[in-house]
Amino acid sequence: MKKAIISILSIAGILVACHSINRDDIIGAYTNHAESAYSIADDTLTITATASETVFTVVRRTAFRRIVNGKPDSLQHQFRRWPATWDTQQKQLMILQTGAIFSFPDRHSLLYGNSVYRKL
């Protein structure tokens, strides 16, 4: 019985280890909402593939309101577009212009610095 349990756990461990993020898993839109004493922001990161296996386009759309004298100011927008490269070994996407790194802990989320983005 003990050997059967160890065998089952070993097989489960191998299956989990084989389940990794690949190039196609990262394509899509990711959102984040953040609030602080100084601003309220909603970010959307859209990752699209290019003809290359390791090059992607990342578009960041941000809508934010600065907090002025304790009240939200007018809504402002930012738009940025960056080329990025996929590191197959590290399973990370790197923005070429800024050096920023996007990590993918699973197929449904993205880490950018201390911010967690959820896939739509």
N, C-alpha and C. Protein backbone atom coordinates (compact mmCIF):
# COMPACT_ATOMS: atom_id res chain seq x y z
N MET A 1 0.82 -1.18 0.00
CA MET A 1 0.00 0.00 0.00
C MET A 1 0.87 1.26 0.00
N LYS A 2 1.93 1.22 0.82
CA LYS A 2 2.82 2.37 0.91
C LYS A 2 3.51 2.62 -0.43
N LYS A 3 3.92 1.54 -1.11
CA LYS A 3 4.56 1.66 -2.42
C LYS A 3 3.60 2.24 -3.45
N ALA A 4 2.33 1.87 -3.38
CA ALA A 4 1.32 2.38 -4.32
C ALA A 4 1.13 3.88 -4.14
N ILE A 5 1.08 4.33 -2.91
CA ILE A 5 0.92 5.76 -2.62
C ILE A 5 2.13 6.53 -3.11
N ILE A 6 3.31 6.02 -2.86
CA ILE A 6 4.54 6.68 -3.31
C ILE A 6 4.57 6.74 -4.83
N SER A 7 4.15 5.65 -5.50
CA SER A 7 4.11 5.64 -6.97
C SER A 7 3.14 6.67 -7.52
N ILE A 8 1.96 6.75 -6.92
CA ILE A 8 0.96 7.72 -7.36
C ILE A 8 1.47 9.15 -7.17
N LEU A 9 2.07 9.42 -6.02
CA LEU A 9 2.61 10.75 -5.76
C LEU A 9 3.75 11.10 -6.71
N SER A 10 4.57 10.11 -7.05
CA SER A 10 5.66 10.34 -7.99
C SER A 10 5.14 10.69 -9.37
N ILE A 11 4.14 9.96 -9.83
CA ILE A 11 3.54 10.24 -11.14
C ILE A 11 2.90 11.61 -11.14
N ALA A 12 2.20 11.96 -10.07
CA ALA A 12 1.57 13.28 -9.98
C ALA A 12 2.64 14.38 -10.01
N GLY A 13 3.73 14.16 -9.34
CA GLY A 13 4.83 15.14 -9.34
C GLY A 13 5.42 15.32 -10.73
N ILE A 14 5.58 14.25 -11.45
CA ILE A 14 6.11 14.34 -12.82
C ILE A 14 5.15 15.10 -13.71
N LEU A 15 3.85 14.83 -13.59
CA LEU A 15 2.86 15.53 -14.41
C LEU A 15 2.84 17.02 -14.11
N VAL A 16 2.95 17.40 -12.84
CA VAL A 16 2.98 18.81 -12.47
C VAL A 16 4.24 19.47 -13.00
N ALA A 17 5.36 18.79 -12.93
CA ALA A 17 6.63 19.35 -13.42
C ALA A 17 6.59 19.54 -14.94
N CYS A 18 5.91 18.67 -15.65
CA CYS A 18 5.82 18.77 -17.10
C CYS A 18 4.87 19.86 -17.55
N HIS A 19 3.97 20.26 -16.67
CA HIS A 19 3.00 21.30 -17.00
C HIS A 19 3.66 22.67 -16.82
N SER A 20 4.11 23.25 -17.92
CA SER A 20 4.78 24.54 -17.82
C SER A 20 4.14 25.52 -18.77
N ILE A 21 4.43 26.77 -18.58
CA ILE A 21 3.91 27.84 -19.42
C ILE A 21 4.66 27.82 -20.75
N ASN A 22 3.91 27.85 -21.84
CA ASN A 22 4.57 27.92 -23.14
C ASN A 22 4.19 29.23 -23.84
N ARG A 23 4.70 29.40 -25.00
CA ARG A 23 4.54 30.63 -25.78
C ARG A 23 3.07 31.00 -25.99
N ASP A 24 2.26 30.04 -26.35
CA ASP A 24 0.85 30.31 -26.65
C ASP A 24 0.03 30.63 -25.40
N ASP A 25 0.47 30.17 -24.23
CA ASP A 25 -0.27 30.42 -22.99
C ASP A 25 -0.24 31.89 -22.58
N ILE A 26 0.77 32.63 -22.97
CA ILE A 26 0.90 34.01 -22.49
C ILE A 26 0.13 35.01 -23.34
N ILE A 27 -0.29 34.62 -24.53
CA ILE A 27 -1.03 35.53 -25.40
C ILE A 27 -2.38 35.85 -24.78
N GLY A 28 -2.76 37.15 -24.77
CA GLY A 28 -4.05 37.54 -24.24
C GLY A 28 -3.99 38.87 -23.52
N ALA A 29 -5.06 39.21 -22.84
CA ALA A 29 -5.17 40.47 -22.10
C ALA A 29 -5.16 40.19 -20.60
N TYR A 30 -4.47 41.04 -19.86
CA TYR A 30 -4.32 40.92 -18.41
C TYR A 30 -4.70 42.26 -17.79
N THR A 31 -5.40 42.23 -16.66
CA THR A 31 -5.82 43.48 -16.02
C THR A 31 -5.33 43.56 -14.58
N ASN A 32 -5.22 44.81 -14.11
CA ASN A 32 -4.81 45.09 -12.74
C ASN A 32 -5.50 46.37 -12.29
N HIS A 33 -5.97 46.39 -11.06
CA HIS A 33 -6.53 47.59 -10.44
C HIS A 33 -5.67 47.92 -9.23
N ALA A 34 -5.27 49.19 -9.11
CA ALA A 34 -4.42 49.60 -7.99
C ALA A 34 -4.92 50.92 -7.43
N GLU A 35 -4.86 51.03 -6.11
CA GLU A 35 -5.24 52.27 -5.43
C GLU A 35 -4.19 52.60 -4.38
N SER A 36 -3.93 53.89 -4.24
CA SER A 36 -3.03 54.36 -3.18
C SER A 36 -3.56 55.70 -2.69
N ALA A 37 -2.86 56.32 -1.79
CA ALA A 37 -3.25 57.65 -1.30
C ALA A 37 -3.08 58.70 -2.38
N TYR A 38 -2.35 58.37 -3.44
CA TYR A 38 -2.03 59.36 -4.48
C TYR A 38 -2.76 59.14 -5.80
N SER A 39 -3.26 57.93 -6.05
CA SER A 39 -3.93 57.69 -7.33
C SER A 39 -4.77 56.41 -7.30
N ILE A 40 -5.63 56.30 -8.32
CA ILE A 40 -6.40 55.09 -8.60
C ILE A 40 -6.13 54.76 -10.06
N ALA A 41 -5.76 53.51 -10.33
CA ALA A 41 -5.38 53.16 -11.72
C ALA A 41 -5.92 51.80 -12.12
N ASP A 42 -6.27 51.69 -13.40
CA ASP A 42 -6.64 50.42 -14.01
C ASP A 42 -5.74 50.22 -15.21
N ASP A 43 -5.04 49.11 -15.21
CA ASP A 43 -4.10 48.76 -16.28
C ASP A 43 -4.62 47.57 -17.06
N THR A 44 -4.38 47.59 -18.36
CA THR A 44 -4.61 46.43 -19.20
C THR A 44 -3.36 46.20 -20.04
N LEU A 45 -2.80 45.01 -19.93
CA LEU A 45 -1.66 44.60 -20.75
C LEU A 45 -2.17 43.59 -21.77
N THR A 46 -1.93 43.86 -23.05
CA THR A 46 -2.34 42.94 -24.10
C THR A 46 -1.08 42.41 -24.78
N ILE A 47 -0.92 41.09 -24.77
CA ILE A 47 0.24 40.45 -25.36
C ILE A 47 -0.19 39.73 -26.63
N THR A 48 0.46 40.08 -27.75
CA THR A 48 0.15 39.45 -29.02
C THR A 48 1.43 38.86 -29.63
N ALA A 49 1.25 37.80 -30.39
CA ALA A 49 2.38 37.14 -31.04
C ALA A 49 2.78 37.88 -32.31
N THR A 50 4.00 37.67 -32.74
CA THR A 50 4.49 38.17 -34.02
C THR A 50 4.88 36.96 -34.86
N ALA A 51 5.46 37.21 -36.00
CA ALA A 51 5.90 36.11 -36.87
C ALA A 51 7.02 35.30 -36.22
N SER A 52 7.78 35.92 -35.34
CA SER A 52 8.89 35.23 -34.67
C SER A 52 8.37 34.39 -33.50
N GLU A 53 9.03 33.30 -33.21
CA GLU A 53 8.66 32.44 -32.09
C GLU A 53 8.94 33.08 -30.73
N THR A 54 9.89 34.02 -30.69
CA THR A 54 10.29 34.57 -29.40
C THR A 54 10.02 36.07 -29.24
N VAL A 55 9.42 36.70 -30.25
CA VAL A 55 9.15 38.13 -30.16
C VAL A 55 7.64 38.36 -30.08
N PHE A 56 7.25 39.23 -29.15
CA PHE A 56 5.85 39.57 -28.92
C PHE A 56 5.69 41.08 -28.94
N THR A 57 4.45 41.53 -29.03
CA THR A 57 4.12 42.94 -28.86
C THR A 57 3.30 43.06 -27.59
N VAL A 58 3.69 44.00 -26.72
CA VAL A 58 2.95 44.25 -25.49
C VAL A 58 2.39 45.66 -25.58
N VAL A 59 1.08 45.78 -25.38
CA VAL A 59 0.42 47.08 -25.36
C VAL A 59 -0.11 47.29 -23.94
N ARG A 60 0.24 48.44 -23.37
CA ARG A 60 -0.23 48.79 -22.03
C ARG A 60 -1.14 50.00 -22.12
N ARG A 61 -2.37 49.81 -21.67
CA ARG A 61 -3.34 50.90 -21.59
C ARG A 61 -3.63 51.14 -20.12
N THR A 62 -3.48 52.40 -19.69
CA THR A 62 -3.69 52.76 -18.30
C THR A 62 -4.69 53.91 -18.22
N ALA A 63 -5.67 53.75 -17.37
CA ALA A 63 -6.59 54.84 -17.03
C ALA A 63 -6.38 55.13 -15.55
N PHE A 64 -6.15 56.39 -15.22
CA PHE A 64 -5.86 56.71 -13.83
C PHE A 64 -6.41 58.07 -13.44
N ARG A 65 -6.60 58.22 -12.13
CA ARG A 65 -7.01 59.48 -11.54
C ARG A 65 -6.05 59.79 -10.41
N ARG A 66 -5.44 60.95 -10.44
CA ARG A 66 -4.62 61.39 -9.32
C ARG A 66 -5.54 61.83 -8.19
N ILE A 67 -5.10 61.65 -6.97
CA ILE A 67 -5.85 62.12 -5.80
C ILE A 67 -5.26 63.47 -5.41
N VAL A 68 -6.08 64.51 -5.51
CA VAL A 68 -5.64 65.87 -5.18
C VAL A 68 -6.52 66.39 -4.05
N ASN A 69 -5.88 66.77 -2.95
CA ASN A 69 -6.61 67.23 -1.76
C ASN A 69 -7.68 66.24 -1.31
N GLY A 70 -7.35 64.97 -1.40
CA GLY A 70 -8.25 63.91 -0.94
C GLY A 70 -9.35 63.53 -1.90
N LYS A 71 -9.40 64.17 -3.09
CA LYS A 71 -10.46 63.88 -4.06
C LYS A 71 -9.86 63.45 -5.39
N PRO A 72 -10.52 62.50 -6.07
CA PRO A 72 -10.01 62.07 -7.39
C PRO A 72 -10.09 63.20 -8.42
N ASP A 73 -9.03 63.38 -9.16
CA ASP A 73 -8.94 64.38 -10.23
C ASP A 73 -9.55 63.79 -11.51
N SER A 74 -9.41 64.48 -12.61
CA SER A 74 -9.98 64.02 -13.87
C SER A 74 -9.30 62.74 -14.35
N LEU A 75 -10.05 61.95 -15.11
CA LEU A 75 -9.55 60.70 -15.65
C LEU A 75 -8.53 60.98 -16.75
N GLN A 76 -7.38 60.30 -16.68
CA GLN A 76 -6.33 60.45 -17.67
C GLN A 76 -6.00 59.07 -18.24
N HIS A 77 -5.45 59.06 -19.45
CA HIS A 77 -5.12 57.81 -20.12
C HIS A 77 -3.69 57.83 -20.60
N GLN A 78 -3.06 56.65 -20.58
CA GLN A 78 -1.73 56.46 -21.18
C GLN A 78 -1.79 55.23 -22.08
N PHE A 79 -1.00 55.28 -23.14
CA PHE A 79 -0.92 54.16 -24.07
C PHE A 79 0.54 53.95 -24.41
N ARG A 80 1.01 52.71 -24.27
CA ARG A 80 2.38 52.38 -24.62
C ARG A 80 2.40 51.06 -25.37
N ARG A 81 3.33 50.96 -26.32
CA ARG A 81 3.51 49.73 -27.10
C ARG A 81 5.00 49.38 -27.08
N TRP A 82 5.30 48.12 -26.75
CA TRP A 82 6.68 47.69 -26.67
C TRP A 82 6.89 46.35 -27.38
N PRO A 83 8.05 46.16 -27.98
CA PRO A 83 8.43 44.80 -28.39
C PRO A 83 8.99 44.07 -27.17
N ALA A 84 8.80 42.77 -27.13
CA ALA A 84 9.28 41.98 -26.00
C ALA A 84 9.79 40.64 -26.50
N THR A 85 10.73 40.06 -25.77
CA THR A 85 11.25 38.75 -26.14
C THR A 85 10.90 37.72 -25.07
N TRP A 86 10.61 36.51 -25.53
CA TRP A 86 10.26 35.39 -24.65
C TRP A 86 11.50 34.58 -24.35
N ASP A 87 11.82 34.44 -23.08
CA ASP A 87 12.94 33.62 -22.64
C ASP A 87 12.38 32.24 -22.31
N THR A 88 12.65 31.27 -23.16
CA THR A 88 12.07 29.93 -22.98
C THR A 88 12.61 29.22 -21.75
N GLN A 89 13.84 29.51 -21.36
CA GLN A 89 14.43 28.87 -20.18
C GLN A 89 13.82 29.41 -18.90
N GLN A 90 13.73 30.75 -18.79
CA GLN A 90 13.22 31.38 -17.57
C GLN A 90 11.70 31.49 -17.55
N LYS A 91 11.05 31.28 -18.71
CA LYS A 91 9.61 31.44 -18.85
C LYS A 91 9.19 32.86 -18.47
N GLN A 92 9.92 33.84 -19.03
CA GLN A 92 9.66 35.25 -18.77
C GLN A 92 9.65 36.03 -20.07
N LEU A 93 8.91 37.11 -20.05
CA LEU A 93 8.85 38.02 -21.18
C LEU A 93 9.58 39.29 -20.78
N MET A 94 10.52 39.75 -21.63
CA MET A 94 11.30 40.94 -21.29
C MET A 94 11.04 42.05 -22.30
N ILE A 95 10.70 43.23 -21.77
CA ILE A 95 10.49 44.40 -22.62
C ILE A 95 11.87 44.92 -23.02
N LEU A 96 12.11 45.01 -24.30
CA LEU A 96 13.45 45.38 -24.78
C LEU A 96 13.83 46.81 -24.42
N GLN A 97 12.92 47.76 -24.52
CA GLN A 97 13.26 49.17 -24.28
C GLN A 97 13.50 49.50 -22.82
N THR A 98 12.74 48.87 -21.92
CA THR A 98 12.83 49.24 -20.50
C THR A 98 13.54 48.21 -19.64
N GLY A 99 13.67 46.99 -20.14
CA GLY A 99 14.26 45.93 -19.34
C GLY A 99 13.29 45.31 -18.35
N ALA A 100 12.02 45.74 -18.38
CA ALA A 100 11.01 45.19 -17.48
C ALA A 100 10.79 43.72 -17.80
N ILE A 101 10.47 42.95 -16.76
CA ILE A 101 10.28 41.51 -16.91
C ILE A 101 8.89 41.13 -16.44
N PHE A 102 8.19 40.36 -17.27
CA PHE A 102 6.90 39.79 -16.93
C PHE A 102 7.11 38.32 -16.64
N SER A 103 6.67 37.89 -15.47
CA SER A 103 6.73 36.47 -15.09
C SER A 103 5.33 35.90 -15.11
N PHE A 104 5.24 34.61 -15.32
CA PHE A 104 3.95 33.94 -15.43
C PHE A 104 3.91 32.78 -14.45
N PRO A 105 3.39 33.02 -13.23
CA PRO A 105 3.34 31.94 -12.24
C PRO A 105 2.38 30.81 -12.65
N ASP A 106 1.38 31.14 -13.48
CA ASP A 106 0.46 30.14 -14.01
C ASP A 106 -0.15 30.70 -15.29
N ARG A 107 -1.06 29.97 -15.89
CA ARG A 107 -1.64 30.38 -17.17
C ARG A 107 -2.66 31.51 -17.05
N HIS A 108 -2.99 31.90 -15.83
CA HIS A 108 -4.05 32.88 -15.63
C HIS A 108 -3.58 34.16 -14.96
N SER A 109 -2.27 34.32 -14.79
CA SER A 109 -1.78 35.53 -14.15
C SER A 109 -0.40 35.91 -14.65
N LEU A 110 -0.06 37.16 -14.41
CA LEU A 110 1.20 37.73 -14.85
C LEU A 110 1.72 38.60 -13.70
N LEU A 111 3.01 38.53 -13.44
CA LEU A 111 3.63 39.39 -12.43
C LEU A 111 4.50 40.41 -13.12
N TYR A 112 4.28 41.68 -12.77
CA TYR A 112 5.07 42.79 -13.31
C TYR A 112 5.51 43.61 -12.12
N GLY A 113 6.76 43.44 -11.72
CA GLY A 113 7.22 44.07 -10.47
C GLY A 113 6.46 43.45 -9.32
N ASN A 114 5.82 44.31 -8.50
CA ASN A 114 5.02 43.83 -7.38
C ASN A 114 3.54 43.70 -7.73
N SER A 115 3.19 43.97 -8.97
CA SER A 115 1.78 43.96 -9.39
C SER A 115 1.39 42.61 -9.99
N VAL A 116 0.21 42.15 -9.62
CA VAL A 116 -0.34 40.92 -10.16
C VAL A 116 -1.45 41.29 -11.13
N TYR A 117 -1.36 40.77 -12.35
CA TYR A 117 -2.36 40.99 -13.39
C TYR A 117 -3.08 39.66 -13.61
N ARG A 118 -4.39 39.72 -13.80
CA ARG A 118 -5.20 38.53 -14.05
C ARG A 118 -5.60 38.47 -15.51
N LYS A 119 -5.53 37.30 -16.09
CA LYS A 119 -5.90 37.12 -17.49
C LYS A 119 -7.40 37.18 -17.67
N LEU A 120 -7.83 37.88 -18.70
CA LEU A 120 -9.27 37.95 -19.00
C LEU A 120 -9.73 36.70 -19.73
